[in-house]
Amino acid sequence: MQYKQLGTTNLMISPLAFGGNVLGWTLNEKNSFDILDAFVAGGGNFIDTADVYARWATGVGGESETILGNWLKTRKHRHQLVLATKVGMEMGPGSSGLSKKYILKAVEASLKRLQCDYIDLYQSHKDDQKTPQEETLSAYEQLIKEGKVRHIGASNFSAERLTQALEMADKFGLPKYQTLQPHYHLLERKLYETELESLCTQHHLGVINYFPLASGFLTGKYRSEADMNKSVRGSSMGKFMHEKGFALLKVLDEVASAHGVAPATVTLAWYLNRPSISAPIVSATSIGQLNQILAAASLQLNQTEIKAIDQCSGY
């Protein structure tokens, strides 16, 4: 697998990132270790998580980071990996946001769970309009100086607020966000492509989009209401079960059949053909799913195939 530079950082990443949201949620620790081992064996080196994973399932949070920390300690290859995590989502009463005080507290908790002394990419999980952006960036400045964080990124920021953050960094000589993690997939293209993509390109930000498979719909797993019982995410598939969604699945099926791969592989290859995308963030709960994901790195779509996907997924 050929690595690429993440934005303007000195991080060299695999073109696919493993999403740690499933660790401690739909994967127990043993199965998590197996999937993570297979991801690395397949050439992957970029893993994204967050302090809040999987609070929605356990009511606590930190489970994903804890499993990753146990895996890193056992495998002893931390230096070979690019590890990203996030801060800002609620971890309990009074424990959320992007104030300097909270970030400095939260990073210590993340480092303890991860059992390492630095984070390659520390991201603001969502915008905090109650905290001045210069305060947030000054917290990151301190962490970078202390060697606890190498680079910073933003997630779920609007174009307006991301622009303000970049301008604030210039104005006060503070660290800049070097990546953006947006919600972007083939059935929800408009927000990223019309408001965020040009901004990211202009500032050379690395883009690591989440939910690139539309929570599983673009794998072709969900094709009727009966399929919605196939997983814990199935109940949310109804919003994609419309004429446009099914037309897109038909095209993905056709392209996948021509290449002898799965629809998920084709979907991910489409993102890798988009110059602004650094690495889609994708989760897997089985080796079979993981193999479909990894196969995207070597799949070459032709322009006719890309155009066909564009036409049925556009806005």
C-alpha atoms as a PDB file:
ATOM      1  CA  MET A   1       0.000   0.000   0.000  1.00  0.00           C
ATOM      2  CA  GLN A   2       1.431   3.361  -1.020  1.00  0.00           C
ATOM      3  CA  TYR A   3       1.514   5.972   1.737  1.00  0.00           C
ATOM      4  CA  LYS A   4       0.762   9.641   1.208  1.00  0.00           C
ATOM      5  CA  GLN A   5       1.436  12.878   3.063  1.00  0.00           C
ATOM      6  CA  LEU A   6      -1.427  14.029   5.277  1.00  0.00           C
ATOM      7  CA  GLY A   7      -2.010  17.658   4.318  1.00  0.00           C
ATOM      8  CA  THR A   8       1.115  19.674   5.088  1.00  0.00           C
ATOM      9  CA  THR A   9       2.058  17.566   8.114  1.00  0.00           C
ATOM     10  CA  ASN A  10       5.062  15.262   8.214  1.00  0.00           C
ATOM     11  CA  LEU A  11       2.718  12.311   8.728  1.00  0.00           C
ATOM     12  CA  MET A  12       2.783   9.634   6.036  1.00  0.00           C
ATOM     13  CA  ILE A  13      -0.477   7.710   6.056  1.00  0.00           C
ATOM     14  CA  SER A  14      -2.127   4.791   4.344  1.00  0.00           C
ATOM     15  CA  PRO A  15      -4.885   5.986   1.966  1.00  0.00           C
ATOM     16  CA  LEU A  16      -7.465   4.309   4.206  1.00  0.00           C
ATOM     17  CA  ALA A  17      -7.918   5.020   7.908  1.00  0.00           C
ATOM     18  CA  PHE A  18      -9.358   2.525  10.364  1.00  0.00           C
ATOM     19  CA  GLY A  19     -12.269   3.978  12.322  1.00  0.00           C
ATOM     20  CA  GLY A  20     -12.057   3.105  15.993  1.00  0.00           C
ATOM     21  CA  ASN A  21     -15.707   3.784  16.781  1.00  0.00           C
ATOM     22  CA  VAL A  22     -16.456   0.037  16.680  1.00  0.00           C
ATOM     23  CA  LEU A  23     -13.834  -0.825  19.307  1.00  0.00           C
ATOM     24  CA  GLY A  24     -15.591  -1.547  22.575  1.00  0.00           C
ATOM     25  CA  TRP A  25     -18.978  -1.252  20.877  1.00  0.00           C
ATOM     26  CA  THR A  26     -19.614  -3.881  18.212  1.00  0.00           C
ATOM     27  CA  LEU A  27     -16.173  -5.437  18.724  1.00  0.00           C
ATOM     28  CA  ASN A  28     -14.878  -6.802  22.020  1.00  0.00           C
ATOM     29  CA  GLU A  29     -11.184  -6.524  22.857  1.00  0.00           C
ATOM     30  CA  LYS A  30     -10.126  -9.878  21.412  1.00  0.00           C
ATOM     31  CA  ASN A  31     -11.888  -9.299  18.099  1.00  0.00           C
ATOM     32  CA  SER A  32     -10.602  -5.724  18.035  1.00  0.00           C
ATOM     33  CA  PHE A  33      -7.037  -7.006  18.299  1.00  0.00           C
ATOM     34  CA  ASP A  34      -7.637  -9.422  15.402  1.00  0.00           C
ATOM     35  CA  ILE A  35      -9.055  -6.701  13.137  1.00  0.00           C
ATOM     36  CA  LEU A  36      -6.339  -4.194  14.043  1.00  0.00           C
ATOM     37  CA  ASP A  37      -3.628  -6.802  13.421  1.00  0.00           C
ATOM     38  CA  ALA A  38      -5.125  -7.568  10.008  1.00  0.00           C
ATOM     39  CA  PHE A  39      -5.369  -3.872   9.149  1.00  0.00           C
ATOM     40  CA  VAL A  40      -1.668  -3.372   9.851  1.00  0.00           C
ATOM     41  CA  ALA A  41      -0.732  -6.612   8.078  1.00  0.00           C
ATOM     42  CA  GLY A  42      -2.641  -5.327   5.039  1.00  0.00           C
ATOM     43  CA  GLY A  43      -0.564  -2.147   4.937  1.00  0.00           C
ATOM     44  CA  GLY A  44      -2.714   0.200   7.003  1.00  0.00           C
ATOM     45  CA  ASN A  45      -1.023   2.519   9.482  1.00  0.00           C
ATOM     46  CA  PHE A  46      -3.619   5.234  10.182  1.00  0.00           C
ATOM     47  CA  ILE A  47      -6.099   4.749  13.046  1.00  0.00           C
ATOM     48  CA  ASP A  48      -8.714   7.287  14.123  1.00  0.00           C
ATOM     49  CA  THR A  49     -10.627   7.241  17.388  1.00  0.00           C
ATOM     50  CA  ALA A  50     -12.075   9.657  19.959  1.00  0.00           C
ATOM     51  CA  ASP A  51     -12.303   9.914  23.714  1.00  0.00           C
ATOM     52  CA  VAL A  52     -16.103   9.627  23.554  1.00  0.00           C
ATOM     53  CA  TYR A  53     -16.142   6.241  21.752  1.00  0.00           C
ATOM     54  CA  ALA A  54     -18.249   4.215  22.744  1.00  0.00           C
ATOM     55  CA  ARG A  55     -20.121   6.283  25.336  1.00  0.00           C
ATOM     56  CA  TRP A  56     -23.408   5.976  23.403  1.00  0.00           C
ATOM     57  CA  ALA A  57     -23.393   2.225  24.077  1.00  0.00           C
ATOM     58  CA  THR A  58     -21.840   2.015  27.537  1.00  0.00           C
ATOM     59  CA  GLY A  59     -22.706   5.345  29.119  1.00  0.00           C
ATOM     60  CA  VAL A  60     -19.046   5.851  30.030  1.00  0.00           C
ATOM     61  CA  GLY A  61     -16.739   6.541  27.071  1.00  0.00           C
ATOM     62  CA  GLY A  62     -13.041   5.861  26.543  1.00  0.00           C
ATOM     63  CA  GLU A  63     -13.543   2.209  25.616  1.00  0.00           C
ATOM     64  CA  SER A  64     -12.050   2.567  22.133  1.00  0.00           C
ATOM     65  CA  GLU A  65      -8.945   4.375  23.369  1.00  0.00           C
ATOM     66  CA  THR A  66      -8.540   1.793  26.133  1.00  0.00           C
ATOM     67  CA  ILE A  67      -8.630  -1.127  23.714  1.00  0.00           C
ATOM     68  CA  LEU A  68      -6.223   0.652  21.381  1.00  0.00           C
ATOM     69  CA  GLY A  69      -3.890   1.302  24.301  1.00  0.00           C
ATOM     70  CA  ASN A  70      -3.906  -2.345  25.333  1.00  0.00           C
ATOM     71  CA  TRP A  71      -3.252  -3.384  21.729  1.00  0.00           C
ATOM     72  CA  LEU A  72      -0.396  -0.902  21.307  1.00  0.00           C
ATOM     73  CA  LYS A  73       1.204  -2.057  24.545  1.00  0.00           C
ATOM     74  CA  THR A  74       1.017  -5.681  23.460  1.00  0.00           C
ATOM     75  CA  ARG A  75       2.177  -5.198  19.879  1.00  0.00           C
ATOM     76  CA  LYS A  76       4.874  -2.592  20.632  1.00  0.00           C
ATOM     77  CA  HIS A  77       4.704  -0.836  17.250  1.00  0.00           C
ATOM     78  CA  ARG A  78       3.400   2.577  18.252  1.00  0.00           C
ATOM     79  CA  HIS A  79       6.138   4.365  16.271  1.00  0.00           C
ATOM     80  CA  GLN A  80       5.007   2.667  13.046  1.00  0.00           C
ATOM     81  CA  LEU A  81       1.457   4.002  13.301  1.00  0.00           C
ATOM     82  CA  VAL A  82      -0.303   7.338  12.873  1.00  0.00           C
ATOM     83  CA  LEU A  83      -2.732   7.667  15.759  1.00  0.00           C
ATOM     84  CA  ALA A  84      -5.540  10.230  15.735  1.00  0.00           C
ATOM     85  CA  THR A  85      -8.048  10.948  18.468  1.00  0.00           C
ATOM     86  CA  LYS A  86     -10.514  13.695  19.294  1.00  0.00           C
ATOM     87  CA  VAL A  87     -11.709  15.890  22.147  1.00  0.00           C
ATOM     88  CA  GLY A  88     -14.803  17.981  22.772  1.00  0.00           C
ATOM     89  CA  MET A  89     -17.826  15.693  22.885  1.00  0.00           C
ATOM     90  CA  GLU A  90     -19.531  15.260  26.244  1.00  0.00           C
ATOM     91  CA  MET A  91     -17.826  12.750  28.525  1.00  0.00           C
ATOM     92  CA  GLY A  92     -20.074  13.531  31.470  1.00  0.00           C
ATOM     93  CA  PRO A  93     -21.530  16.544  33.297  1.00  0.00           C
ATOM     94  CA  GLY A  94     -19.206  19.508  32.811  1.00  0.00           C
ATOM     95  CA  SER A  95     -16.819  17.448  30.707  1.00  0.00           C
ATOM     96  CA  SER A  96     -17.069  18.711  27.140  1.00  0.00           C
ATOM     97  CA  GLY A  97     -16.097  21.586  24.884  1.00  0.00           C
ATOM     98  CA  LEU A  98     -12.841  23.131  23.733  1.00  0.00           C
ATOM     99  CA  SER A  99     -11.782  25.360  26.610  1.00  0.00           C
ATOM    100  CA  LYS A 100      -8.089  25.323  27.391  1.00  0.00           C
ATOM    101  CA  LYS A 101      -8.687  23.955  30.859  1.00  0.00           C
ATOM    102  CA  TYR A 102     -10.773  21.070  29.570  1.00  0.00           C
ATOM    103  CA  ILE A 103      -8.458  20.166  26.660  1.00  0.00           C
ATOM    104  CA  LEU A 104      -5.429  20.005  28.950  1.00  0.00           C
ATOM    105  CA  LYS A 105      -7.351  17.692  31.258  1.00  0.00           C
ATOM    106  CA  ALA A 106      -8.857  15.558  28.501  1.00  0.00           C
ATOM    107  CA  VAL A 107      -5.574  14.943  26.693  1.00  0.00           C
ATOM    108  CA  GLU A 108      -4.046  13.440  29.818  1.00  0.00           C
ATOM    109  CA  ALA A 109      -6.972  11.043  30.119  1.00  0.00           C
ATOM    110  CA  SER A 110      -6.623  10.053  26.457  1.00  0.00           C
ATOM    111  CA  LEU A 111      -2.874   9.512  26.746  1.00  0.00           C
ATOM    112  CA  LYS A 112      -3.411   7.351  29.815  1.00  0.00           C
ATOM    113  CA  ARG A 113      -6.000   5.201  28.062  1.00  0.00           C
ATOM    114  CA  LEU A 114      -3.849   4.972  24.922  1.00  0.00           C
ATOM    115  CA  GLN A 115      -0.800   4.103  27.038  1.00  0.00           C
ATOM    116  CA  CYS A 116       1.464   6.339  24.997  1.00  0.00           C
ATOM    117  CA  ASP A 117       3.137   9.709  25.468  1.00  0.00           C
ATOM    118  CA  TYR A 118       2.054  11.488  22.286  1.00  0.00           C
ATOM    119  CA  ILE A 119      -0.842  11.757  19.827  1.00  0.00           C
ATOM    120  CA  ASP A 120      -0.036  12.233  16.156  1.00  0.00           C
ATOM    121  CA  LEU A 121      -3.256  14.072  15.293  1.00  0.00           C
ATOM    122  CA  TYR A 122      -5.429  15.637  18.014  1.00  0.00           C
ATOM    123  CA  GLN A 123      -8.744  16.899  16.692  1.00  0.00           C
ATOM    124  CA  SER A 124     -11.493  19.213  17.884  1.00  0.00           C
ATOM    125  CA  HIS A 125     -14.409  16.804  17.616  1.00  0.00           C
ATOM    126  CA  LYS A 126     -16.983  19.527  17.083  1.00  0.00           C
ATOM    127  CA  ASP A 127     -17.088  23.311  17.156  1.00  0.00           C
ATOM    128  CA  ASP A 128     -17.464  25.033  20.522  1.00  0.00           C
ATOM    129  CA  GLN A 129     -18.853  28.490  19.905  1.00  0.00           C
ATOM    130  CA  LYS A 130     -18.775  29.330  23.615  1.00  0.00           C
ATOM    131  CA  THR A 131     -14.981  29.218  23.695  1.00  0.00           C
ATOM    132  CA  PRO A 132     -12.837  31.736  21.768  1.00  0.00           C
ATOM    133  CA  GLN A 133     -10.958  29.944  19.015  1.00  0.00           C
ATOM    134  CA  GLU A 134      -7.677  31.506  20.119  1.00  0.00           C
ATOM    135  CA  GLU A 135      -8.121  29.904  23.547  1.00  0.00           C
ATOM    136  CA  THR A 136      -8.575  26.474  21.982  1.00  0.00           C
ATOM    137  CA  LEU A 137      -5.561  26.946  19.724  1.00  0.00           C
ATOM    138  CA  SER A 138      -3.435  28.146  22.633  1.00  0.00           C
ATOM    139  CA  ALA A 139      -4.181  24.900  24.426  1.00  0.00           C
ATOM    140  CA  TYR A 140      -2.978  22.977  21.409  1.00  0.00           C
ATOM    141  CA  GLU A 141       0.104  25.215  21.217  1.00  0.00           C
ATOM    142  CA  GLN A 142       1.018  24.191  24.746  1.00  0.00           C
ATOM    143  CA  LEU A 143       0.493  20.504  24.014  1.00  0.00           C
ATOM    144  CA  ILE A 144       2.618  20.692  20.867  1.00  0.00           C
ATOM    145  CA  LYS A 145       5.418  22.422  22.779  1.00  0.00           C
ATOM    146  CA  GLU A 146       5.211  19.731  25.458  1.00  0.00           C
ATOM    147  CA  GLY A 147       5.483  17.006  22.805  1.00  0.00           C
ATOM    148  CA  LYS A 148       2.130  15.461  23.719  1.00  0.00           C
ATOM    149  CA  VAL A 149       0.539  16.362  20.367  1.00  0.00           C
ATOM    150  CA  ARG A 150       2.223  16.517  16.964  1.00  0.00           C
ATOM    151  CA  HIS A 151      -0.506  18.050  14.790  1.00  0.00           C
ATOM    152  CA  ILE A 152      -4.072  19.296  15.179  1.00  0.00           C
ATOM    153  CA  GLY A 153      -7.245  18.942  13.147  1.00  0.00           C
ATOM    154  CA  ALA A 154     -10.899  19.929  13.150  1.00  0.00           C
ATOM    155  CA  SER A 155     -14.004  17.794  12.787  1.00  0.00           C
ATOM    156  CA  ASN A 156     -17.575  18.838  12.025  1.00  0.00           C
ATOM    157  CA  PHE A 157     -16.655  22.517  11.518  1.00  0.00           C
ATOM    158  CA  SER A 158     -18.569  24.759   9.138  1.00  0.00           C
ATOM    159  CA  ALA A 159     -16.604  26.522   6.415  1.00  0.00           C
ATOM    160  CA  GLU A 160     -17.172  29.831   8.189  1.00  0.00           C
ATOM    161  CA  ARG A 161     -15.863  28.648  11.548  1.00  0.00           C
ATOM    162  CA  LEU A 162     -12.937  26.777  10.018  1.00  0.00           C
ATOM    163  CA  THR A 163     -11.967  29.928   8.120  1.00  0.00           C
ATOM    164  CA  GLN A 164     -12.136  31.923  11.357  1.00  0.00           C
ATOM    165  CA  ALA A 165      -9.915  29.390  13.111  1.00  0.00           C
ATOM    166  CA  LEU A 166      -7.312  29.539  10.363  1.00  0.00           C
ATOM    167  CA  GLU A 167      -7.369  33.352  10.402  1.00  0.00           C
ATOM    168  CA  MET A 168      -7.101  33.400  14.197  1.00  0.00           C
ATOM    169  CA  ALA A 169      -4.050  31.150  14.048  1.00  0.00           C
ATOM    170  CA  ASP A 170      -2.366  33.576  11.650  1.00  0.00           C
ATOM    171  CA  LYS A 171      -3.345  36.604  13.705  1.00  0.00           C
ATOM    172  CA  PHE A 172      -1.991  35.283  17.010  1.00  0.00           C
ATOM    173  CA  GLY A 173       0.805  33.068  15.704  1.00  0.00           C
ATOM    174  CA  LEU A 174      -0.896  29.919  16.957  1.00  0.00           C
ATOM    175  CA  PRO A 175      -0.923  26.382  15.494  1.00  0.00           C
ATOM    176  CA  LYS A 176      -3.252  25.847  12.560  1.00  0.00           C
ATOM    177  CA  TYR A 177      -5.687  23.052  11.968  1.00  0.00           C
ATOM    178  CA  GLN A 178      -4.016  20.890   9.346  1.00  0.00           C
ATOM    179  CA  THR A 179      -6.838  18.452   8.714  1.00  0.00           C
ATOM    180  CA  LEU A 180     -10.615  18.357   8.504  1.00  0.00           C
ATOM    181  CA  GLN A 181     -12.805  15.389   9.327  1.00  0.00           C
ATOM    182  CA  PRO A 182     -16.170  16.006   7.621  1.00  0.00           C
ATOM    183  CA  HIS A 183     -19.284  13.872   7.230  1.00  0.00           C
ATOM    184  CA  TYR A 184     -19.074  13.063   3.521  1.00  0.00           C
ATOM    185  CA  HIS A 185     -20.331  10.203   1.402  1.00  0.00           C
ATOM    186  CA  LEU A 186     -21.851   9.587  -2.016  1.00  0.00           C
ATOM    187  CA  LEU A 187     -25.395  10.293  -0.856  1.00  0.00           C
ATOM    188  CA  GLU A 188     -24.443  13.428   1.076  1.00  0.00           C
ATOM    189  CA  ARG A 189     -22.028  15.346  -1.133  1.00  0.00           C
ATOM    190  CA  LYS A 190     -23.363  18.900  -1.233  1.00  0.00           C
ATOM    191  CA  LEU A 191     -22.114  20.392   2.053  1.00  0.00           C
ATOM    192  CA  TYR A 192     -18.531  19.239   1.614  1.00  0.00           C
ATOM    193  CA  GLU A 193     -18.239  19.851  -2.110  1.00  0.00           C
ATOM    194  CA  THR A 194     -19.888  23.296  -2.168  1.00  0.00           C
ATOM    195  CA  GLU A 195     -18.594  24.811   1.076  1.00  0.00           C
ATOM    196  CA  LEU A 196     -15.644  22.924   2.492  1.00  0.00           C
ATOM    197  CA  GLU A 197     -13.691  21.301  -0.327  1.00  0.00           C
ATOM    198  CA  SER A 198     -12.347  24.493  -1.907  1.00  0.00           C
ATOM    199  CA  LEU A 199     -11.349  25.802   1.530  1.00  0.00           C
ATOM    200  CA  CYS A 200      -9.453  22.616   2.319  1.00  0.00           C
ATOM    201  CA  THR A 201      -7.736  22.700  -1.061  1.00  0.00           C
ATOM    202  CA  GLN A 202      -6.810  26.375  -0.682  1.00  0.00           C
ATOM    203  CA  HIS A 203      -5.201  25.774   2.701  1.00  0.00           C
ATOM    204  CA  HIS A 204      -3.776  22.341   1.824  1.00  0.00           C
ATOM    205  CA  LEU A 205      -5.699  20.628   4.603  1.00  0.00           C
ATOM    206  CA  GLY A 206      -5.752  16.864   4.745  1.00  0.00           C
ATOM    207  CA  VAL A 207      -9.311  15.540   4.552  1.00  0.00           C
ATOM    208  CA  ILE A 208     -10.309  12.339   6.363  1.00  0.00           C
ATOM    209  CA  ASN A 209     -14.032  11.901   5.800  1.00  0.00           C
ATOM    210  CA  TYR A 210     -16.141   9.779   8.109  1.00  0.00           C
ATOM    211  CA  PHE A 211     -19.117   7.539   7.256  1.00  0.00           C
ATOM    212  CA  PRO A 212     -17.860   7.136   3.643  1.00  0.00           C
ATOM    213  CA  LEU A 213     -20.000   4.008   3.305  1.00  0.00           C
ATOM    214  CA  ALA A 214     -23.101   5.790   4.675  1.00  0.00           C
ATOM    215  CA  SER A 215     -23.000   3.666   7.839  1.00  0.00           C
ATOM    216  CA  GLY A 216     -23.051   0.527   5.674  1.00  0.00           C
ATOM    217  CA  PHE A 217     -25.714   1.352   3.093  1.00  0.00           C
ATOM    218  CA  LEU A 218     -23.161   1.720   0.297  1.00  0.00           C
ATOM    219  CA  THR A 219     -21.888  -1.808   0.937  1.00  0.00           C
ATOM    220  CA  GLY A 220     -25.168  -3.072  -0.514  1.00  0.00           C
ATOM    221  CA  LYS A 221     -26.032  -4.788   2.753  1.00  0.00           C
ATOM    222  CA  TYR A 222     -29.339  -2.963   3.130  1.00  0.00           C
ATOM    223  CA  ARG A 223     -31.687  -3.238   0.150  1.00  0.00           C
ATOM    224  CA  SER A 224     -35.099  -3.559   1.830  1.00  0.00           C
ATOM    225  CA  GLU A 225     -36.792  -2.818   5.128  1.00  0.00           C
ATOM    226  CA  ALA A 226     -36.235  -6.437   6.111  1.00  0.00           C
ATOM    227  CA  ASP A 227     -32.470  -5.842   5.903  1.00  0.00           C
ATOM    228  CA  MET A 228     -32.656  -3.111   8.536  1.00  0.00           C
ATOM    229  CA  ASN A 229     -32.467  -5.768  11.261  1.00  0.00           C
ATOM    230  CA  LYS A 230     -29.059  -6.964  10.097  1.00  0.00           C
ATOM    231  CA  SER A 231     -27.040  -4.749  12.451  1.00  0.00           C
ATOM    232  CA  VAL A 232     -27.213  -2.111  15.172  1.00  0.00           C
ATOM    233  CA  ARG A 233     -26.930   0.556  12.477  1.00  0.00           C
ATOM    234  CA  GLY A 234     -29.700  -0.912  10.353  1.00  0.00           C
ATOM    235  CA  SER A 235     -32.467   1.162  11.919  1.00  0.00           C
ATOM    236  CA  SER A 236     -30.991   4.318  10.354  1.00  0.00           C
ATOM    237  CA  MET A 237     -30.932   2.969   6.798  1.00  0.00           C
ATOM    238  CA  GLY A 238     -34.457   4.091   5.921  1.00  0.00           C
ATOM    239  CA  LYS A 239     -33.241   7.579   5.006  1.00  0.00           C
ATOM    240  CA  PHE A 240     -31.190   6.115   2.147  1.00  0.00           C
ATOM    241  CA  MET A 241     -33.870   3.775   0.805  1.00  0.00           C
ATOM    242  CA  HIS A 242     -35.164   5.985  -1.971  1.00  0.00           C
ATOM    243  CA  GLU A 243     -34.898   6.112  -5.754  1.00  0.00           C
ATOM    244  CA  LYS A 244     -31.521   7.835  -5.738  1.00  0.00           C
ATOM    245  CA  GLY A 245     -30.070   5.454  -3.169  1.00  0.00           C
ATOM    246  CA  PHE A 246     -31.148   2.343  -5.037  1.00  0.00           C
ATOM    247  CA  ALA A 247     -29.977   3.784  -8.369  1.00  0.00           C
ATOM    248  CA  LEU A 248     -26.554   4.342  -6.856  1.00  0.00           C
ATOM    249  CA  LEU A 249     -26.422   0.780  -5.519  1.00  0.00           C
ATOM    250  CA  LYS A 250     -27.235  -0.503  -9.009  1.00  0.00           C
ATOM    251  CA  VAL A 251     -24.293   1.378 -10.519  1.00  0.00           C
ATOM    252  CA  LEU A 252     -21.970   0.280  -7.716  1.00  0.00           C
ATOM    253  CA  ASP A 253     -23.066  -3.323  -8.302  1.00  0.00           C
ATOM    254  CA  GLU A 254     -22.304  -3.040 -12.022  1.00  0.00           C
ATOM    255  CA  VAL A 255     -18.855  -1.542 -11.508  1.00  0.00           C
ATOM    256  CA  ALA A 256     -18.069  -4.010  -8.741  1.00  0.00           C
ATOM    257  CA  SER A 257     -19.056  -6.936 -10.968  1.00  0.00           C
ATOM    258  CA  ALA A 258     -16.810  -5.664 -13.766  1.00  0.00           C
ATOM    259  CA  HIS A 259     -13.814  -5.656 -11.421  1.00  0.00           C
ATOM    260  CA  GLY A 260     -14.701  -8.723  -9.390  1.00  0.00           C
ATOM    261  CA  VAL A 261     -14.843  -6.751  -6.138  1.00  0.00           C
ATOM    262  CA  ALA A 262     -17.487  -5.672  -3.613  1.00  0.00           C
ATOM    263  CA  PRO A 263     -19.570  -2.464  -3.864  1.00  0.00           C
ATOM    264  CA  ALA A 264     -17.797  -1.155  -0.750  1.00  0.00           C
ATOM    265  CA  THR A 265     -14.464  -1.444  -2.535  1.00  0.00           C
ATOM    266  CA  VAL A 266     -15.772   0.558  -5.491  1.00  0.00           C
ATOM    267  CA  THR A 267     -17.227   3.238  -3.210  1.00  0.00           C
ATOM    268  CA  LEU A 268     -13.952   3.757  -1.378  1.00  0.00           C
ATOM    269  CA  ALA A 269     -11.990   3.784  -4.638  1.00  0.00           C
ATOM    270  CA  TRP A 270     -14.222   6.652  -5.813  1.00  0.00           C
ATOM    271  CA  TYR A 271     -13.064   8.785  -2.856  1.00  0.00           C
ATOM    272  CA  LEU A 272      -9.439   7.899  -3.527  1.00  0.00           C
ATOM    273  CA  ASN A 273      -9.857   9.333  -7.019  1.00  0.00           C
ATOM    274  CA  ARG A 274     -10.903  12.686  -5.564  1.00  0.00           C
ATOM    275  CA  PRO A 275      -7.752  14.828  -5.129  1.00  0.00           C
ATOM    276  CA  SER A 276      -8.969  16.593  -1.985  1.00  0.00           C
ATOM    277  CA  ILE A 277      -9.496  13.371  -0.022  1.00  0.00           C
ATOM    278  CA  SER A 278      -6.544  12.092   1.997  1.00  0.00           C
ATOM    279  CA  ALA A 279      -8.085   8.970   3.508  1.00  0.00           C
ATOM    280  CA  PRO A 280     -11.665   7.853   4.112  1.00  0.00           C
ATOM    281  CA  ILE A 281     -12.232   6.572   7.658  1.00  0.00           C
ATOM    282  CA  VAL A 282     -13.783   3.115   7.522  1.00  0.00           C
ATOM    283  CA  SER A 283     -14.666   0.586  10.204  1.00  0.00           C
ATOM    284  CA  ALA A 284     -14.848  -3.186   9.909  1.00  0.00           C
ATOM    285  CA  THR A 285     -16.129  -5.869  12.246  1.00  0.00           C
ATOM    286  CA  SER A 286     -14.896  -8.894  10.282  1.00  0.00           C
ATOM    287  CA  ILE A 287     -11.834  -9.849   8.281  1.00  0.00           C
ATOM    288  CA  GLY A 288     -14.039 -10.145   5.202  1.00  0.00           C
ATOM    289  CA  GLN A 289     -15.213  -6.555   5.546  1.00  0.00           C
ATOM    290  CA  LEU A 290     -11.658  -5.412   6.167  1.00  0.00           C
ATOM    291  CA  ASN A 291     -10.395  -7.131   3.023  1.00  0.00           C
ATOM    292  CA  GLN A 292     -13.031  -5.323   0.960  1.00  0.00           C
ATOM    293  CA  ILE A 293     -11.844  -2.034   2.451  1.00  0.00           C
ATOM    294  CA  LEU A 294      -8.140  -2.666   1.871  1.00  0.00           C
ATOM    295  CA  ALA A 295      -8.791  -3.722  -1.728  1.00  0.00           C
ATOM    296  CA  ALA A 296      -9.861  -0.157  -2.560  1.00  0.00           C
ATOM    297  CA  ALA A 297      -6.263   1.035  -2.341  1.00  0.00           C
ATOM    298  CA  SER A 298      -5.343  -0.943  -5.457  1.00  0.00           C
ATOM    299  CA  LEU A 299      -8.570  -0.603  -7.445  1.00  0.00           C
ATOM    300  CA  GLN A 300      -8.308   1.678 -10.469  1.00  0.00           C
ATOM    301  CA  LEU A 301     -11.635   3.039 -11.689  1.00  0.00           C
ATOM    302  CA  ASN A 302     -11.810   4.377 -15.237  1.00  0.00           C
ATOM    303  CA  GLN A 303     -13.346   7.735 -16.096  1.00  0.00           C
ATOM    304  CA  THR A 304     -16.521   6.165 -17.456  1.00  0.00           C
ATOM    305  CA  GLU A 305     -17.096   4.383 -14.147  1.00  0.00           C
ATOM    306  CA  ILE A 306     -16.345   7.480 -12.106  1.00  0.00           C
ATOM    307  CA  LYS A 307     -18.736   9.523 -14.270  1.00  0.00           C
ATOM    308  CA  ALA A 308     -21.504   6.950 -13.861  1.00  0.00           C
ATOM    309  CA  ILE A 309     -21.143   7.082 -10.071  1.00  0.00           C
ATOM    310  CA  ASP A 310     -21.049  10.878 -10.179  1.00  0.00           C
ATOM    311  CA  GLN A 311     -24.245  11.105 -12.209  1.00  0.00           C
ATOM    312  CA  CYS A 312     -26.377   9.064  -9.833  1.00  0.00           C
ATOM    313  CA  SER A 313     -24.915  10.489  -6.623  1.00  0.00           C
ATOM    314  CA  GLY A 314     -24.740  14.197  -7.474  1.00  0.00           C
ATOM    315  CA  TYR A 315     -26.852  16.955  -5.971  1.00  0.00           C
END
